[in-house]
Amino acid sequence: MNKKRAAPGGPEGAAPGPKREDQRYRATVAYVGTWFSGFQLQDNAPRTVQSVLEAALEGFATRPIRVHAAGRTDAGVHADGQTIHFDLSPPRDPVRIREGVNALLPWDVRVLDVAPAPEGFLARRDASWKEYIYRWSRAAVIAPRDGLFVSPISRDADASLMRRAAAALPGRRDFSVFAVRGGGSQAGVRRLHTVRIEEHGDEIRAVFRGDAFLRGQIRSICGVLAHVARGKVAPDRIAQLLETGDRALLAPKAAASGLTLLRVGYEGAEREAGNGKRETRNEGRTTDEGRRKLKSGGAGQEGRDVSVRKAAKTGPAKRSESTRS
């Protein structure tokens, strides 16, 4: 089992800056979550993303290295653009770090890029927003290359019904009813910037962007959206859940396989590319939605965008560090 190893630095939310001789780095990581027990180190979990990253970094640096992530994905959830930070001493060339660590990682995790981070940078605390995608497939037969990254749904599933239901989601709200633990307190309040429902061939996709997410929130919402698309409940079910907080109205949670963390945004790092695609530029590196290093499970594929957005009009809110994912 993977015991939590002692390593430099405390909990991410209170981590001190690197030692004088250390250099802090920020990296983008992608992984196939199928065979991981989530991102975070766990006493009784056989395999986590953090444990294999720290083992590879230790092999590269010849000393224990603690990794901190922008979000803690659950078991079976994938990532195209997870952000992490770590400290190394002495400083190394970012390309050599990437290549050296990737040589020691298993096939289902890759470091996509590495760059020096500003002093005091914290991957989780400094994140402005996160973007996730959930993918369903209406195909009669799902191709093996897609099978790990989509959840099957009826061929008659209606994306327009799902879109009507999702219109109630954006804004600053108490999402406790969708969390692993309910509650109806300020701890459950989050700002969901946008929800897009898209159709790409046989696929229906829901893309969520928000300041932060409660544990289980997206999969719980997607379970209800799938019921709406199948005609099992009315499109106003999401609004009812938000209004009443009645967990008896929930549907079964959507499978982890369909969920992917697409990317994490940082203040001042986002810009519109000349081709109209939105890119994230972080310390000299650019990550766009079209890049896929590991798999096809992302939102970068071009297709007919039939989405309807409802963006929150309010200004930035103070983020809670608790129960963020």
Protein backbone atom coordinates (compact mmCIF):
# COMPACT_ATOMS: atom_id res chain seq x y z
CA MET A 1 0.00 0.00 0.00
CA ASN A 2 1.07 3.56 -0.49
CA LYS A 3 1.83 5.20 2.84
CA LYS A 4 2.05 8.97 2.86
CA ARG A 5 5.74 9.66 2.56
CA ALA A 6 7.49 12.46 4.37
CA ALA A 7 8.53 15.13 1.90
CA PRO A 8 9.43 18.80 1.94
CA GLY A 9 6.53 21.19 2.40
CA GLY A 10 3.30 21.04 4.37
CA PRO A 11 -0.33 20.96 3.20
CA GLU A 12 -0.77 22.79 -0.10
CA GLY A 13 -2.97 25.51 1.30
CA ALA A 14 -0.29 26.50 3.82
CA ALA A 15 2.86 25.41 2.01
CA PRO A 16 5.85 27.67 2.60
CA GLY A 17 7.84 28.97 -0.33
CA PRO A 18 10.74 26.90 -1.61
CA LYS A 19 14.00 26.92 0.28
CA ARG A 20 16.48 29.47 -0.94
CA GLU A 21 18.33 26.92 -3.07
CA ASP A 22 15.12 25.37 -4.43
CA GLN A 23 13.31 26.27 -7.64
CA ARG A 24 9.54 25.90 -7.78
CA TYR A 25 8.14 24.44 -10.99
CA ARG A 26 4.66 24.30 -12.44
CA ALA A 27 3.74 21.39 -14.70
CA THR A 28 0.77 20.18 -16.72
CA VAL A 29 -0.02 16.50 -16.27
CA ALA A 30 -2.36 14.17 -18.17
CA TYR A 31 -3.49 10.74 -17.07
CA VAL A 32 -5.92 7.94 -17.78
CA GLY A 33 -7.69 7.53 -14.47
CA THR A 34 -9.09 4.04 -15.04
CA TRP A 35 -6.53 2.17 -12.95
CA PHE A 36 -5.91 4.84 -10.32
CA SER A 37 -7.61 5.23 -6.94
CA GLY A 38 -7.82 8.97 -7.53
CA PHE A 39 -5.10 11.62 -7.55
CA GLN A 40 -4.29 12.05 -3.87
CA LEU A 41 -2.07 9.80 -1.75
CA GLN A 42 -4.17 7.47 0.39
CA ASP A 43 -3.11 5.09 3.14
CA ASN A 44 -5.10 2.14 1.80
CA ALA A 45 -5.15 2.88 -1.94
CA PRO A 46 -3.03 0.56 -4.08
CA ARG A 47 -2.23 3.20 -6.72
CA THR A 48 -2.75 6.97 -7.01
CA VAL A 49 -1.55 9.55 -9.52
CA GLN A 50 0.31 11.48 -6.84
CA SER A 51 2.17 8.38 -5.68
CA VAL A 52 3.51 7.51 -9.13
CA LEU A 53 4.43 11.14 -9.87
CA GLU A 54 6.33 11.46 -6.61
CA ALA A 55 8.10 8.14 -7.19
CA ALA A 56 9.21 9.28 -10.67
CA LEU A 57 10.33 12.69 -9.39
CA GLU A 58 12.26 11.01 -6.58
CA GLY A 59 13.98 8.78 -9.12
CA PHE A 60 14.88 11.83 -11.20
CA ALA A 61 16.01 14.08 -8.32
CA THR A 62 17.39 11.31 -6.04
CA ARG A 63 15.48 12.73 -3.07
CA PRO A 64 11.82 12.78 -1.97
CA ILE A 65 9.71 15.37 -3.80
CA ARG A 66 6.23 16.41 -2.72
CA VAL A 67 3.70 17.10 -5.49
CA HIS A 68 0.74 19.48 -5.01
CA ALA A 69 -2.16 19.52 -7.49
CA ALA A 70 -4.78 22.07 -8.47
CA GLY A 71 -7.51 19.49 -7.89
CA ARG A 72 -7.99 16.03 -6.46
CA THR A 73 -9.74 13.88 -9.04
CA ASP A 74 -11.57 10.79 -7.80
CA ALA A 75 -10.94 7.17 -8.70
CA GLY A 76 -11.48 6.50 -12.40
CA VAL A 77 -11.56 10.19 -13.41
CA HIS A 78 -9.14 11.29 -16.14
CA ALA A 79 -7.18 14.49 -16.78
CA ASP A 80 -5.94 16.22 -19.91
CA GLY A 81 -4.64 19.31 -18.09
CA GLN A 82 -4.08 18.81 -14.37
CA THR A 83 -1.69 21.44 -12.93
CA ILE A 84 0.86 20.54 -10.26
CA HIS A 85 3.75 22.28 -8.54
CA PHE A 86 6.89 20.94 -6.89
CA ASP A 87 10.32 22.14 -5.77
CA LEU A 88 13.70 20.94 -7.06
CA SER A 89 17.24 21.67 -5.95
CA PRO A 90 19.43 22.48 -7.73
CA PRO A 91 17.33 24.04 -10.52
CA ARG A 92 17.06 21.94 -13.68
CA ASP A 93 16.23 22.59 -17.30
CA PRO A 94 12.44 22.20 -17.68
CA VAL A 95 12.74 20.05 -20.80
CA ARG A 96 15.14 17.71 -19.04
CA ILE A 97 12.75 17.47 -16.10
CA ARG A 98 9.88 16.57 -18.39
CA GLU A 99 11.85 13.98 -20.34
CA GLY A 100 13.54 12.49 -17.28
CA VAL A 101 10.33 12.13 -15.27
CA ASN A 102 8.34 10.76 -18.22
CA ALA A 103 10.98 8.07 -18.69
CA LEU A 104 10.18 6.84 -15.18
CA LEU A 105 6.38 7.11 -15.34
CA PRO A 106 3.93 4.35 -16.31
CA TRP A 107 2.19 4.64 -19.67
CA ASP A 108 -1.01 6.10 -18.23
CA VAL A 109 0.57 9.27 -16.80
CA ARG A 110 2.55 11.90 -18.68
CA VAL A 111 4.04 15.28 -17.84
CA LEU A 112 3.09 17.45 -20.82
CA ASP A 113 5.15 20.52 -19.98
CA VAL A 114 7.21 22.07 -17.18
CA ALA A 115 8.07 25.70 -16.47
CA PRO A 116 9.62 27.68 -13.60
CA ALA A 117 6.87 29.06 -11.35
CA PRO A 118 6.79 32.43 -9.62
CA GLU A 119 7.91 32.46 -6.00
CA GLY A 120 5.08 31.40 -3.73
CA PHE A 121 2.98 29.87 -6.53
CA LEU A 122 0.50 27.27 -5.29
CA ALA A 123 -1.30 25.18 -7.91
CA ARG A 124 -4.53 24.90 -5.94
CA ARG A 125 -4.78 28.24 -4.16
CA ASP A 126 -3.86 30.31 -7.23
CA ALA A 127 -6.25 28.59 -9.65
CA SER A 128 -8.93 30.94 -11.01
CA TRP A 129 -11.11 28.24 -12.56
CA LYS A 130 -11.26 24.62 -13.60
CA GLU A 131 -12.91 23.07 -16.62
CA TYR A 132 -14.28 19.52 -16.79
CA ILE A 133 -15.98 17.57 -19.55
CA TYR A 134 -18.42 14.69 -19.25
CA ARG A 135 -18.94 12.51 -22.33
CA TRP A 136 -21.83 10.17 -23.14
CA SER A 137 -22.04 7.98 -26.23
CA ARG A 138 -25.26 7.04 -28.02
CA ALA A 139 -23.41 4.66 -30.36
CA ALA A 140 -24.83 1.16 -30.75
CA VAL A 141 -21.25 -0.09 -30.42
CA ILE A 142 -18.62 2.02 -28.67
CA ALA A 143 -15.17 1.75 -30.25
CA PRO A 144 -12.49 0.37 -27.91
CA ARG A 145 -10.43 3.55 -28.23
CA ASP A 146 -13.35 5.51 -26.75
CA GLY A 147 -14.62 2.95 -24.27
CA LEU A 148 -12.50 4.12 -21.33
CA PHE A 149 -13.57 7.75 -21.68
CA VAL A 150 -17.32 7.76 -22.33
CA SER A 151 -20.44 6.56 -20.57
CA PRO A 152 -23.09 4.77 -22.67
CA ILE A 153 -26.52 6.35 -22.96
CA SER A 154 -29.68 5.48 -24.92
CA ARG A 155 -29.66 6.24 -28.64
CA ASP A 156 -32.84 8.23 -28.04
CA ALA A 157 -31.20 10.51 -25.45
CA ASP A 158 -32.23 14.08 -26.22
CA ALA A 159 -29.48 16.70 -25.82
CA SER A 160 -32.00 19.55 -26.12
CA LEU A 161 -33.74 18.38 -22.93
CA MET A 162 -30.39 18.16 -21.19
CA ARG A 163 -29.60 21.69 -22.34
CA ARG A 164 -32.85 23.03 -20.89
CA ALA A 165 -32.09 21.39 -17.55
CA ALA A 166 -28.49 22.65 -17.46
CA ALA A 167 -29.64 26.26 -17.93
CA ALA A 168 -30.48 26.38 -14.20
CA LEU A 169 -26.91 25.63 -13.13
CA PRO A 170 -24.65 28.66 -13.82
CA GLY A 171 -24.24 31.23 -11.08
CA ARG A 172 -23.16 31.40 -7.47
CA ARG A 173 -25.25 28.78 -5.67
CA ASP A 174 -25.32 26.24 -2.89
CA PHE A 175 -24.54 22.96 -4.69
CA SER A 176 -24.48 20.86 -1.50
CA VAL A 177 -27.30 18.65 -2.74
CA PHE A 178 -25.01 17.36 -5.50
CA ALA A 179 -21.99 16.79 -3.24
CA VAL A 180 -20.88 13.56 -1.61
CA ARG A 181 -21.96 15.15 1.68
CA GLY A 182 -25.04 17.34 1.67
CA GLY A 183 -25.38 20.30 3.91
CA GLY A 184 -26.78 23.61 2.75
CA SER A 185 -24.09 25.80 4.29
CA GLN A 186 -21.59 28.29 2.93
CA ALA A 187 -19.17 25.36 2.52
CA GLY A 188 -21.34 24.19 -0.37
CA VAL A 189 -21.48 27.51 -2.23
CA ARG A 190 -19.60 27.62 -5.52
CA ARG A 191 -19.73 29.76 -8.65
CA LEU A 192 -20.37 27.79 -11.84
CA HIS A 193 -19.43 30.08 -14.72
CA THR A 194 -20.82 28.13 -17.68
CA VAL A 195 -22.30 24.78 -18.64
CA ARG A 196 -22.23 23.87 -22.33
CA ILE A 197 -24.14 20.93 -23.77
CA GLU A 198 -22.69 19.89 -27.12
CA GLU A 199 -23.37 17.17 -29.66
CA HIS A 200 -20.52 15.59 -31.61
CA GLY A 201 -21.81 12.74 -33.77
CA ASP A 202 -23.07 10.03 -31.42
CA GLU A 203 -21.67 11.85 -28.40
CA ILE A 204 -23.33 14.25 -26.00
CA ARG A 205 -20.88 16.32 -23.97
CA ALA A 206 -21.33 18.55 -20.95
CA VAL A 207 -18.53 21.05 -20.33
CA PHE A 208 -18.41 22.72 -16.90
CA ARG A 209 -16.30 25.72 -15.93
CA GLY A 210 -16.30 27.02 -12.37
CA ASP A 211 -14.20 28.51 -9.59
CA ALA A 212 -14.14 25.17 -7.79
CA PHE A 213 -16.24 22.03 -7.42
CA LEU A 214 -17.48 19.98 -4.51
CA ARG A 215 -16.50 16.34 -4.33
CA GLY A 216 -18.87 14.33 -6.52
CA GLN A 217 -20.69 17.45 -7.73
CA ILE A 218 -20.20 17.04 -11.47
CA ARG A 219 -20.93 13.31 -11.60
CA SER A 220 -24.06 13.82 -9.51
CA ILE A 221 -25.26 16.61 -11.82
CA CYS A 222 -24.51 14.46 -14.86
CA GLY A 223 -26.54 11.60 -13.42
CA VAL A 224 -29.56 13.89 -13.31
CA LEU A 225 -28.84 15.30 -16.78
CA ALA A 226 -28.73 11.76 -18.20
CA HIS A 227 -32.12 10.99 -16.62
CA VAL A 228 -33.51 14.16 -18.19
CA ALA A 229 -32.11 13.25 -21.62
CA ARG A 230 -33.70 9.79 -21.39
CA GLY A 231 -37.07 11.34 -20.52
CA LYS A 232 -37.14 9.78 -17.04
CA VAL A 233 -37.56 13.14 -15.30
CA ALA A 234 -38.58 16.61 -16.44
CA PRO A 235 -35.99 19.27 -17.40
CA ASP A 236 -36.88 21.28 -14.30
CA ARG A 237 -35.41 18.58 -12.04
CA ILE A 238 -32.09 20.45 -11.69
CA ALA A 239 -33.92 23.63 -10.63
CA GLN A 240 -35.99 21.63 -8.12
CA LEU A 241 -32.87 20.14 -6.58
CA LEU A 242 -31.21 23.54 -6.23
CA GLU A 243 -34.36 25.06 -4.72
CA THR A 244 -35.28 22.28 -2.29
CA GLY A 245 -31.99 20.52 -1.55
CA ASP A 246 -33.98 17.27 -1.52
CA ARG A 247 -31.50 14.47 -2.19
CA ALA A 248 -34.37 12.06 -2.79
CA LEU A 249 -34.77 13.76 -6.20
CA LEU A 250 -31.24 12.80 -7.30
CA ALA A 251 -30.54 10.20 -9.97
CA PRO A 252 -27.75 7.60 -9.71
CA LYS A 253 -24.35 9.26 -10.00
CA ALA A 254 -22.80 9.15 -13.49
CA ALA A 255 -19.89 6.76 -13.99
CA ALA A 256 -16.38 8.10 -13.36
CA SER A 257 -15.19 6.92 -16.78
CA GLY A 258 -16.96 9.74 -18.62
CA LEU A 259 -15.36 12.58 -16.63
CA THR A 260 -12.12 14.38 -17.55
CA LEU A 261 -10.42 17.42 -16.01
CA LEU A 262 -9.67 19.43 -19.14
CA ARG A 263 -7.58 22.29 -17.79
CA VAL A 264 -6.98 24.74 -14.97
CA GLY A 265 -6.92 28.50 -15.50
CA TYR A 266 -4.82 31.10 -13.71
CA GLU A 267 -5.39 34.84 -13.51
CA GLY A 268 -3.77 36.73 -16.36
CA ALA A 269 -2.89 33.54 -18.21
CA GLU A 270 -5.84 33.26 -20.59
CA ARG A 271 -6.11 34.84 -23.99
CA GLU A 272 -8.01 34.33 -27.21
CA ALA A 273 -5.94 32.84 -29.99
CA GLY A 274 -6.12 34.28 -33.48
CA ASN A 275 -8.13 31.30 -34.70
CA GLY A 276 -10.82 31.90 -32.09
CA LYS A 277 -9.75 29.02 -29.86
CA ARG A 278 -9.20 29.82 -26.23
CA GLU A 279 -5.70 29.08 -25.04
CA THR A 280 -3.96 29.18 -21.70
CA ARG A 281 -0.49 30.68 -21.62
CA ASN A 282 1.45 29.86 -18.47
CA GLU A 283 5.02 31.03 -17.96
CA GLY A 284 5.97 30.66 -21.60
CA ARG A 285 3.95 27.54 -22.43
CA THR A 286 0.69 27.28 -24.33
CA THR A 287 -1.94 24.59 -23.80
CA ASP A 288 -4.98 24.51 -26.08
CA GLU A 289 -7.98 22.24 -26.23
CA GLY A 290 -6.73 20.47 -29.35
CA ARG A 291 -3.69 18.95 -27.68
CA ARG A 292 -4.06 15.32 -26.81
CA LYS A 293 -0.94 13.48 -25.63
CA LEU A 294 -2.52 10.39 -24.15
CA LYS A 295 -6.00 9.81 -25.44
CA SER A 296 -8.98 11.08 -27.35
CA GLY A 297 -11.00 11.87 -24.22
CA GLY A 298 -11.14 15.66 -24.46
CA ALA A 299 -13.12 18.52 -25.87
CA GLY A 300 -10.61 19.61 -28.50
CA GLN A 301 -12.21 17.71 -31.37
CA GLU A 302 -14.03 19.97 -33.75
CA GLY A 303 -17.73 19.41 -34.16
CA ARG A 304 -21.04 21.13 -34.33
CA ASP A 305 -21.36 23.24 -31.21
CA VAL A 306 -25.02 23.39 -30.30
CA SER A 307 -24.39 24.79 -26.85
CA VAL A 308 -26.28 27.38 -24.92
CA ARG A 309 -24.36 29.31 -22.26
CA LYS A 310 -25.65 31.12 -19.26
CA ALA A 311 -22.73 32.93 -17.66
CA ALA A 312 -22.86 34.41 -14.21
CA LYS A 313 -22.71 38.22 -14.28
CA THR A 314 -21.35 38.73 -10.81
CA GLY A 315 -17.72 39.52 -10.02
CA PRO A 316 -15.05 37.18 -8.65
CA ALA A 317 -15.86 35.61 -5.32
CA LYS A 318 -13.58 34.64 -2.50
CA ARG A 319 -12.89 30.93 -2.92
CA SER A 320 -13.05 28.38 -0.16
CA GLU A 321 -10.11 25.98 -0.04
CA SER A 322 -12.18 23.26 1.61
CA THR A 323 -13.73 20.41 -0.38
CA ARG A 324 -12.35 21.71 -3.68
CA SER A 325 -11.82 19.17 -6.41
